[in-house]
Amino acid sequence: MATEKELIARRVAQELQDGDVVNLGIGLPTLVSNYLPKDVHITLQSENGILGMGGLCESGTEDKDCVNSGNQHVNVLPGACYFDSCTAFGIIRGGHVDATILGALQVDETGTLASHIVPGKMVPGMGGAMDLVVGAKKVIIATTHTVKGAPKLLKKVTLPPTAVNKVNLIVTELAVIEVTAEGFLLKEIAGNTTVEEVQRLTEAELIVDADLKTIEL
């Protein structure tokens, strides 16, 4: 049976369009590389210096010198190229990334993302996330809906913001939510939940789409 994180990764993969250059953040987002649609050509970029990255390696097939930004062993596709970190961030900051997929500690109804805590706490810092959410044309958050039962989708973030008003879409194991000028628009829900349950686990008020759908994987 697929895990919650695998289900999220599968649904996020459906958002990617033919020809997109896509950056995957560390953690859950790296799983998306294993679920890319067969008939869609996606170019994956890794901020440590790969363009044309493939999926995560199966055990026993790793090349010790080929890792993504999360230090996981990955495959590369024909035509892939390697470069330094300066070039990688030039691609990101130059607006050449069509979509970035990131994890989150918190997201609020204005599209503000908190993906780090101060140094010495949960993680050492924001890393490249600040550049990615500002430089990418579309920002997709792939995250579990709650952490230890507490909502991660809030009225206002309480942790230091990584970027303000930049998130476009949120995909969790329970829902697909678009960030609009009016707030969180609930577009899809999992088949094993209800709108009422999703709202109970979301601090911010949800606007239910008139054409609400069930998540299909």
C-alpha atoms as a PDB file:
ATOM      1  CA  MET A   1       0.000   0.000   0.000  1.00  0.00           C
ATOM      2  CA  ALA A   2       1.284   3.473  -0.915  1.00  0.00           C
ATOM      3  CA  THR A   3       2.317   5.780   1.908  1.00  0.00           C
ATOM      4  CA  GLU A   4       0.812   9.241   2.388  1.00  0.00           C
ATOM      5  CA  LYS A   5       3.953  10.813   0.977  1.00  0.00           C
ATOM      6  CA  GLU A   6       3.859   8.592  -2.107  1.00  0.00           C
ATOM      7  CA  LEU A   7       0.205   9.518  -2.708  1.00  0.00           C
ATOM      8  CA  ILE A   8       1.080  13.211  -2.463  1.00  0.00           C
ATOM      9  CA  ALA A   9       3.998  12.786  -4.884  1.00  0.00           C
ATOM     10  CA  ARG A  10       1.795  10.977  -7.416  1.00  0.00           C
ATOM     11  CA  ARG A  11      -0.807  13.739  -7.364  1.00  0.00           C
ATOM     12  CA  VAL A  12       1.797  16.504  -7.631  1.00  0.00           C
ATOM     13  CA  ALA A  13       3.310  14.818 -10.688  1.00  0.00           C
ATOM     14  CA  GLN A  14      -0.010  15.313 -12.501  1.00  0.00           C
ATOM     15  CA  GLU A  15       0.451  19.100 -12.285  1.00  0.00           C
ATOM     16  CA  LEU A  16       3.555  19.115 -14.465  1.00  0.00           C
ATOM     17  CA  GLN A  17       3.261  20.093 -18.110  1.00  0.00           C
ATOM     18  CA  ASP A  18       5.105  18.912 -21.198  1.00  0.00           C
ATOM     19  CA  GLY A  19       8.315  20.916 -21.640  1.00  0.00           C
ATOM     20  CA  ASP A  20       8.489  22.171 -18.042  1.00  0.00           C
ATOM     21  CA  VAL A  21      11.797  22.722 -16.271  1.00  0.00           C
ATOM     22  CA  VAL A  22      11.100  21.625 -12.695  1.00  0.00           C
ATOM     23  CA  ASN A  23      13.083  21.859  -9.459  1.00  0.00           C
ATOM     24  CA  LEU A  24      12.363  19.372  -6.677  1.00  0.00           C
ATOM     25  CA  GLY A  25      13.045  20.382  -3.081  1.00  0.00           C
ATOM     26  CA  ILE A  26      14.566  17.978  -0.567  1.00  0.00           C
ATOM     27  CA  GLY A  27      12.457  15.442   1.296  1.00  0.00           C
ATOM     28  CA  LEU A  28       8.997  14.512   0.037  1.00  0.00           C
ATOM     29  CA  PRO A  29       9.268  16.445  -3.288  1.00  0.00           C
ATOM     30  CA  THR A  30      12.117  14.215  -4.500  1.00  0.00           C
ATOM     31  CA  LEU A  31       9.609  11.330  -4.707  1.00  0.00           C
ATOM     32  CA  VAL A  32       7.821  13.146  -7.552  1.00  0.00           C
ATOM     33  CA  SER A  33      10.623  12.104  -9.918  1.00  0.00           C
ATOM     34  CA  ASN A  34       9.414   8.489  -9.678  1.00  0.00           C
ATOM     35  CA  TYR A  35       5.859   9.324 -10.820  1.00  0.00           C
ATOM     36  CA  LEU A  36       6.326  11.574 -13.854  1.00  0.00           C
ATOM     37  CA  PRO A  37       3.727  10.906 -16.586  1.00  0.00           C
ATOM     38  CA  LYS A  38       5.131   8.650 -19.333  1.00  0.00           C
ATOM     39  CA  ASP A  39       3.841  10.861 -22.151  1.00  0.00           C
ATOM     40  CA  VAL A  40       5.070  14.156 -20.684  1.00  0.00           C
ATOM     41  CA  HIS A  41       8.635  15.389 -21.161  1.00  0.00           C
ATOM     42  CA  ILE A  42       9.897  17.082 -17.991  1.00  0.00           C
ATOM     43  CA  THR A  43      13.425  18.400 -17.419  1.00  0.00           C
ATOM     44  CA  LEU A  44      14.366  18.131 -13.758  1.00  0.00           C
ATOM     45  CA  GLN A  45      16.867  20.615 -12.351  1.00  0.00           C
ATOM     46  CA  SER A  46      18.776  20.088  -9.114  1.00  0.00           C
ATOM     47  CA  GLU A  47      20.226  23.112  -7.354  1.00  0.00           C
ATOM     48  CA  ASN A  48      23.508  21.336  -6.698  1.00  0.00           C
ATOM     49  CA  GLY A  49      24.151  21.344 -10.460  1.00  0.00           C
ATOM     50  CA  ILE A  50      22.199  18.873 -12.629  1.00  0.00           C
ATOM     51  CA  LEU A  51      19.867  19.522 -15.549  1.00  0.00           C
ATOM     52  CA  GLY A  52      18.185  16.393 -16.908  1.00  0.00           C
ATOM     53  CA  MET A  53      17.902  14.458 -13.670  1.00  0.00           C
ATOM     54  CA  GLY A  54      15.947  11.196 -13.626  1.00  0.00           C
ATOM     55  CA  GLY A  55      14.300   9.307 -10.796  1.00  0.00           C
ATOM     56  CA  LEU A  56      15.770   8.062  -7.534  1.00  0.00           C
ATOM     57  CA  CYS A  57      18.085   5.058  -7.913  1.00  0.00           C
ATOM     58  CA  GLU A  58      17.059   1.579  -6.916  1.00  0.00           C
ATOM     59  CA  SER A  59      19.288  -0.058  -4.326  1.00  0.00           C
ATOM     60  CA  GLY A  60      22.411  -1.496  -5.915  1.00  0.00           C
ATOM     61  CA  THR A  61      22.319   0.742  -9.004  1.00  0.00           C
ATOM     62  CA  GLU A  62      23.751   3.907  -7.462  1.00  0.00           C
ATOM     63  CA  ASP A  63      26.551   6.007  -8.906  1.00  0.00           C
ATOM     64  CA  LYS A  64      28.221   7.422  -5.804  1.00  0.00           C
ATOM     65  CA  ASP A  65      29.078  10.652  -7.636  1.00  0.00           C
ATOM     66  CA  CYS A  66      25.536  11.395  -8.829  1.00  0.00           C
ATOM     67  CA  VAL A  67      23.325  12.819  -6.088  1.00  0.00           C
ATOM     68  CA  ASN A  68      20.554  15.391  -5.885  1.00  0.00           C
ATOM     69  CA  SER A  69      20.469  18.400  -3.553  1.00  0.00           C
ATOM     70  CA  GLY A  70      19.188  16.155  -0.751  1.00  0.00           C
ATOM     71  CA  ASN A  71      22.239  13.856  -1.140  1.00  0.00           C
ATOM     72  CA  GLN A  72      20.110  11.043  -2.585  1.00  0.00           C
ATOM     73  CA  HIS A  73      21.441   8.942  -5.442  1.00  0.00           C
ATOM     74  CA  VAL A  74      19.650   9.696  -8.709  1.00  0.00           C
ATOM     75  CA  ASN A  75      19.676   8.605 -12.324  1.00  0.00           C
ATOM     76  CA  VAL A  76      20.346  11.033 -15.152  1.00  0.00           C
ATOM     77  CA  LEU A  77      18.730  11.015 -18.588  1.00  0.00           C
ATOM     78  CA  PRO A  78      20.459  11.123 -21.985  1.00  0.00           C
ATOM     79  CA  GLY A  79      21.613  14.672 -22.678  1.00  0.00           C
ATOM     80  CA  ALA A  80      21.871  15.614 -18.995  1.00  0.00           C
ATOM     81  CA  CYS A  81      24.509  18.155 -18.021  1.00  0.00           C
ATOM     82  CA  TYR A  82      26.350  19.122 -14.866  1.00  0.00           C
ATOM     83  CA  PHE A  83      27.481  22.540 -13.674  1.00  0.00           C
ATOM     84  CA  ASP A  84      28.468  24.468 -10.587  1.00  0.00           C
ATOM     85  CA  SER A  85      26.131  25.880  -7.956  1.00  0.00           C
ATOM     86  CA  CYS A  86      26.490  29.425  -9.313  1.00  0.00           C
ATOM     87  CA  THR A  87      25.087  28.324 -12.684  1.00  0.00           C
ATOM     88  CA  ALA A  88      22.343  26.314 -10.974  1.00  0.00           C
ATOM     89  CA  PHE A  89      21.176  29.369  -9.061  1.00  0.00           C
ATOM     90  CA  GLY A  90      21.549  31.539 -12.155  1.00  0.00           C
ATOM     91  CA  ILE A  91      18.937  29.284 -13.787  1.00  0.00           C
ATOM     92  CA  ILE A  92      16.670  29.617 -10.746  1.00  0.00           C
ATOM     93  CA  ARG A  93      17.088  33.354 -10.185  1.00  0.00           C
ATOM     94  CA  GLY A  94      16.887  34.052 -13.896  1.00  0.00           C
ATOM     95  CA  GLY A  95      13.301  32.807 -14.065  1.00  0.00           C
ATOM     96  CA  HIS A  96      14.082  29.700 -16.128  1.00  0.00           C
ATOM     97  CA  VAL A  97      12.346  27.231 -13.764  1.00  0.00           C
ATOM     98  CA  ASP A  98       8.702  26.668 -14.699  1.00  0.00           C
ATOM     99  CA  ALA A  99       7.722  25.007 -11.433  1.00  0.00           C
ATOM    100  CA  THR A 100       9.282  24.262  -8.080  1.00  0.00           C
ATOM    101  CA  ILE A 101       7.935  21.633  -5.715  1.00  0.00           C
ATOM    102  CA  LEU A 102       8.781  22.194  -2.066  1.00  0.00           C
ATOM    103  CA  GLY A 103       7.891  20.870   1.339  1.00  0.00           C
ATOM    104  CA  ALA A 104       6.620  23.172   4.073  1.00  0.00           C
ATOM    105  CA  LEU A 105       6.367  23.592   7.803  1.00  0.00           C
ATOM    106  CA  GLN A 106       3.499  26.074   7.382  1.00  0.00           C
ATOM    107  CA  VAL A 107       1.587  27.806   4.584  1.00  0.00           C
ATOM    108  CA  ASP A 108      -1.002  30.515   5.167  1.00  0.00           C
ATOM    109  CA  GLU A 109      -4.033  31.659   3.192  1.00  0.00           C
ATOM    110  CA  THR A 110      -2.066  34.493   1.568  1.00  0.00           C
ATOM    111  CA  GLY A 111       0.375  32.021   0.005  1.00  0.00           C
ATOM    112  CA  THR A 112       3.140  32.825   2.473  1.00  0.00           C
ATOM    113  CA  LEU A 113       5.494  29.906   3.075  1.00  0.00           C
ATOM    114  CA  ALA A 114       7.486  28.989   6.185  1.00  0.00           C
ATOM    115  CA  SER A 115       9.929  26.202   5.413  1.00  0.00           C
ATOM    116  CA  HIS A 116      12.619  26.770   8.004  1.00  0.00           C
ATOM    117  CA  ILE A 117      13.235  27.695  11.624  1.00  0.00           C
ATOM    118  CA  VAL A 118      16.149  29.709  12.954  1.00  0.00           C
ATOM    119  CA  PRO A 119      19.609  28.068  12.792  1.00  0.00           C
ATOM    120  CA  GLY A 120      20.209  25.448  15.446  1.00  0.00           C
ATOM    121  CA  LYS A 121      16.557  24.423  15.596  1.00  0.00           C
ATOM    122  CA  MET A 122      14.610  22.026  13.340  1.00  0.00           C
ATOM    123  CA  VAL A 123      16.694  22.707  10.235  1.00  0.00           C
ATOM    124  CA  PRO A 124      19.782  24.894   9.822  1.00  0.00           C
ATOM    125  CA  GLY A 125      18.218  27.447   7.480  1.00  0.00           C
ATOM    126  CA  MET A 126      16.106  28.068   4.404  1.00  0.00           C
ATOM    127  CA  GLY A 127      18.727  26.837   1.926  1.00  0.00           C
ATOM    128  CA  GLY A 128      17.744  27.463  -1.693  1.00  0.00           C
ATOM    129  CA  ALA A 129      14.008  27.608  -0.974  1.00  0.00           C
ATOM    130  CA  MET A 130      14.024  31.416  -0.810  1.00  0.00           C
ATOM    131  CA  ASP A 131      15.474  31.626  -4.323  1.00  0.00           C
ATOM    132  CA  LEU A 132      13.161  28.945  -5.687  1.00  0.00           C
ATOM    133  CA  VAL A 133       9.873  30.408  -4.475  1.00  0.00           C
ATOM    134  CA  VAL A 134      10.800  33.825  -5.857  1.00  0.00           C
ATOM    135  CA  GLY A 135      12.401  32.638  -9.101  1.00  0.00           C
ATOM    136  CA  ALA A 136      10.048  29.848 -10.230  1.00  0.00           C
ATOM    137  CA  LYS A 137       6.967  30.635 -12.314  1.00  0.00           C
ATOM    138  CA  LYS A 138       4.788  28.258 -10.244  1.00  0.00           C
ATOM    139  CA  VAL A 139       5.232  27.150  -6.629  1.00  0.00           C
ATOM    140  CA  ILE A 140       3.668  23.854  -5.577  1.00  0.00           C
ATOM    141  CA  ILE A 141       3.794  22.751  -1.946  1.00  0.00           C
ATOM    142  CA  ALA A 142       3.838  18.998  -1.294  1.00  0.00           C
ATOM    143  CA  THR A 143       3.216  18.359   2.388  1.00  0.00           C
ATOM    144  CA  THR A 144       1.267  16.318   4.874  1.00  0.00           C
ATOM    145  CA  HIS A 145      -1.853  18.174   5.990  1.00  0.00           C
ATOM    146  CA  THR A 146      -0.904  18.222   9.679  1.00  0.00           C
ATOM    147  CA  VAL A 147       2.108  17.650  11.906  1.00  0.00           C
ATOM    148  CA  LYS A 148       1.462  15.645  15.088  1.00  0.00           C
ATOM    149  CA  GLY A 149      -2.220  16.502  14.630  1.00  0.00           C
ATOM    150  CA  ALA A 150      -1.674  20.264  14.381  1.00  0.00           C
ATOM    151  CA  PRO A 151      -2.699  22.103  11.161  1.00  0.00           C
ATOM    152  CA  LYS A 152       0.037  23.229   8.792  1.00  0.00           C
ATOM    153  CA  LEU A 153      -2.341  25.321   6.648  1.00  0.00           C
ATOM    154  CA  LEU A 154      -2.949  28.465   8.659  1.00  0.00           C
ATOM    155  CA  LYS A 155      -4.550  31.889   8.641  1.00  0.00           C
ATOM    156  CA  LYS A 156      -1.088  33.365   9.208  1.00  0.00           C
ATOM    157  CA  VAL A 157       2.282  31.646   9.518  1.00  0.00           C
ATOM    158  CA  THR A 158       3.839  31.750  12.974  1.00  0.00           C
ATOM    159  CA  LEU A 159       7.331  30.668  11.905  1.00  0.00           C
ATOM    160  CA  PRO A 160       9.805  32.911  10.052  1.00  0.00           C
ATOM    161  CA  PRO A 161       8.508  33.291   6.467  1.00  0.00           C
ATOM    162  CA  THR A 162      10.644  31.970   3.628  1.00  0.00           C
ATOM    163  CA  ALA A 163       8.693  33.990   1.045  1.00  0.00           C
ATOM    164  CA  VAL A 164       5.509  36.053   1.095  1.00  0.00           C
ATOM    165  CA  ASN A 165       2.506  35.545  -1.225  1.00  0.00           C
ATOM    166  CA  LYS A 166       4.322  33.128  -3.537  1.00  0.00           C
ATOM    167  CA  VAL A 167       2.587  29.731  -3.151  1.00  0.00           C
ATOM    168  CA  ASN A 168       0.196  28.777  -5.965  1.00  0.00           C
ATOM    169  CA  LEU A 169      -0.941  25.249  -5.090  1.00  0.00           C
ATOM    170  CA  ILE A 170      -0.864  22.929  -2.083  1.00  0.00           C
ATOM    171  CA  VAL A 171      -1.148  19.143  -2.330  1.00  0.00           C
ATOM    172  CA  THR A 172      -1.613  17.031   0.796  1.00  0.00           C
ATOM    173  CA  GLU A 173      -2.789  13.481   1.428  1.00  0.00           C
ATOM    174  CA  LEU A 174      -6.281  14.920   2.010  1.00  0.00           C
ATOM    175  CA  ALA A 175      -6.717  17.729  -0.478  1.00  0.00           C
ATOM    176  CA  VAL A 176      -5.607  19.826  -3.424  1.00  0.00           C
ATOM    177  CA  ILE A 177      -5.882  23.517  -2.557  1.00  0.00           C
ATOM    178  CA  GLU A 178      -5.316  26.507  -4.807  1.00  0.00           C
ATOM    179  CA  VAL A 179      -4.148  29.743  -3.203  1.00  0.00           C
ATOM    180  CA  THR A 180      -6.308  32.594  -4.508  1.00  0.00           C
ATOM    181  CA  ALA A 181      -6.716  36.283  -3.690  1.00  0.00           C
ATOM    182  CA  GLU A 182      -9.718  35.290  -1.573  1.00  0.00           C
ATOM    183  CA  GLY A 183      -7.915  32.507   0.305  1.00  0.00           C
ATOM    184  CA  PHE A 184      -7.670  28.708   0.141  1.00  0.00           C
ATOM    185  CA  LEU A 185      -9.835  27.251  -2.637  1.00  0.00           C
ATOM    186  CA  LEU A 186     -10.506  23.547  -2.024  1.00  0.00           C
ATOM    187  CA  LYS A 187     -10.367  21.930  -5.474  1.00  0.00           C
ATOM    188  CA  GLU A 188     -10.115  18.210  -4.681  1.00  0.00           C
ATOM    189  CA  ILE A 189     -10.409  15.924  -1.680  1.00  0.00           C
ATOM    190  CA  ALA A 190      -9.266  12.348  -1.060  1.00  0.00           C
ATOM    191  CA  GLY A 191     -11.873   9.645  -1.413  1.00  0.00           C
ATOM    192  CA  ASN A 192     -11.493   8.607   2.209  1.00  0.00           C
ATOM    193  CA  THR A 193     -12.319  12.010   3.715  1.00  0.00           C
ATOM    194  CA  THR A 194     -14.955  14.741   3.706  1.00  0.00           C
ATOM    195  CA  VAL A 195     -14.988  18.495   3.313  1.00  0.00           C
ATOM    196  CA  GLU A 196     -15.861  18.786   7.009  1.00  0.00           C
ATOM    197  CA  GLU A 197     -12.863  16.684   8.017  1.00  0.00           C
ATOM    198  CA  VAL A 198     -10.472  18.654   5.813  1.00  0.00           C
ATOM    199  CA  GLN A 199     -11.784  21.909   7.298  1.00  0.00           C
ATOM    200  CA  ARG A 200     -11.385  20.551  10.838  1.00  0.00           C
ATOM    201  CA  LEU A 201      -7.707  19.910  10.112  1.00  0.00           C
ATOM    202  CA  THR A 202      -7.181  23.308   8.445  1.00  0.00           C
ATOM    203  CA  GLU A 203      -6.909  26.474  10.544  1.00  0.00           C
ATOM    204  CA  ALA A 204      -7.722  28.839   7.668  1.00  0.00           C
ATOM    205  CA  GLU A 205     -11.248  28.953   6.258  1.00  0.00           C
ATOM    206  CA  LEU A 206     -11.670  26.887   3.100  1.00  0.00           C
ATOM    207  CA  ILE A 207     -13.608  28.058   0.059  1.00  0.00           C
ATOM    208  CA  VAL A 208     -15.166  24.956  -1.498  1.00  0.00           C
ATOM    209  CA  ASP A 209     -14.994  24.888  -5.288  1.00  0.00           C
ATOM    210  CA  ALA A 210     -18.403  24.525  -6.922  1.00  0.00           C
ATOM    211  CA  ASP A 211     -16.836  21.784  -9.057  1.00  0.00           C
ATOM    212  CA  LEU A 212     -15.161  19.943  -6.164  1.00  0.00           C
ATOM    213  CA  LYS A 213     -13.600  16.672  -7.348  1.00  0.00           C
ATOM    214  CA  THR A 214     -12.179  13.532  -5.796  1.00  0.00           C
ATOM    215  CA  ILE A 215      -8.411  13.113  -6.126  1.00  0.00           C
ATOM    216  CA  GLU A 216      -7.622  10.607  -8.876  1.00  0.00           C
ATOM    217  CA  LEU A 217      -4.288   8.798  -8.927  1.00  0.00           C
END
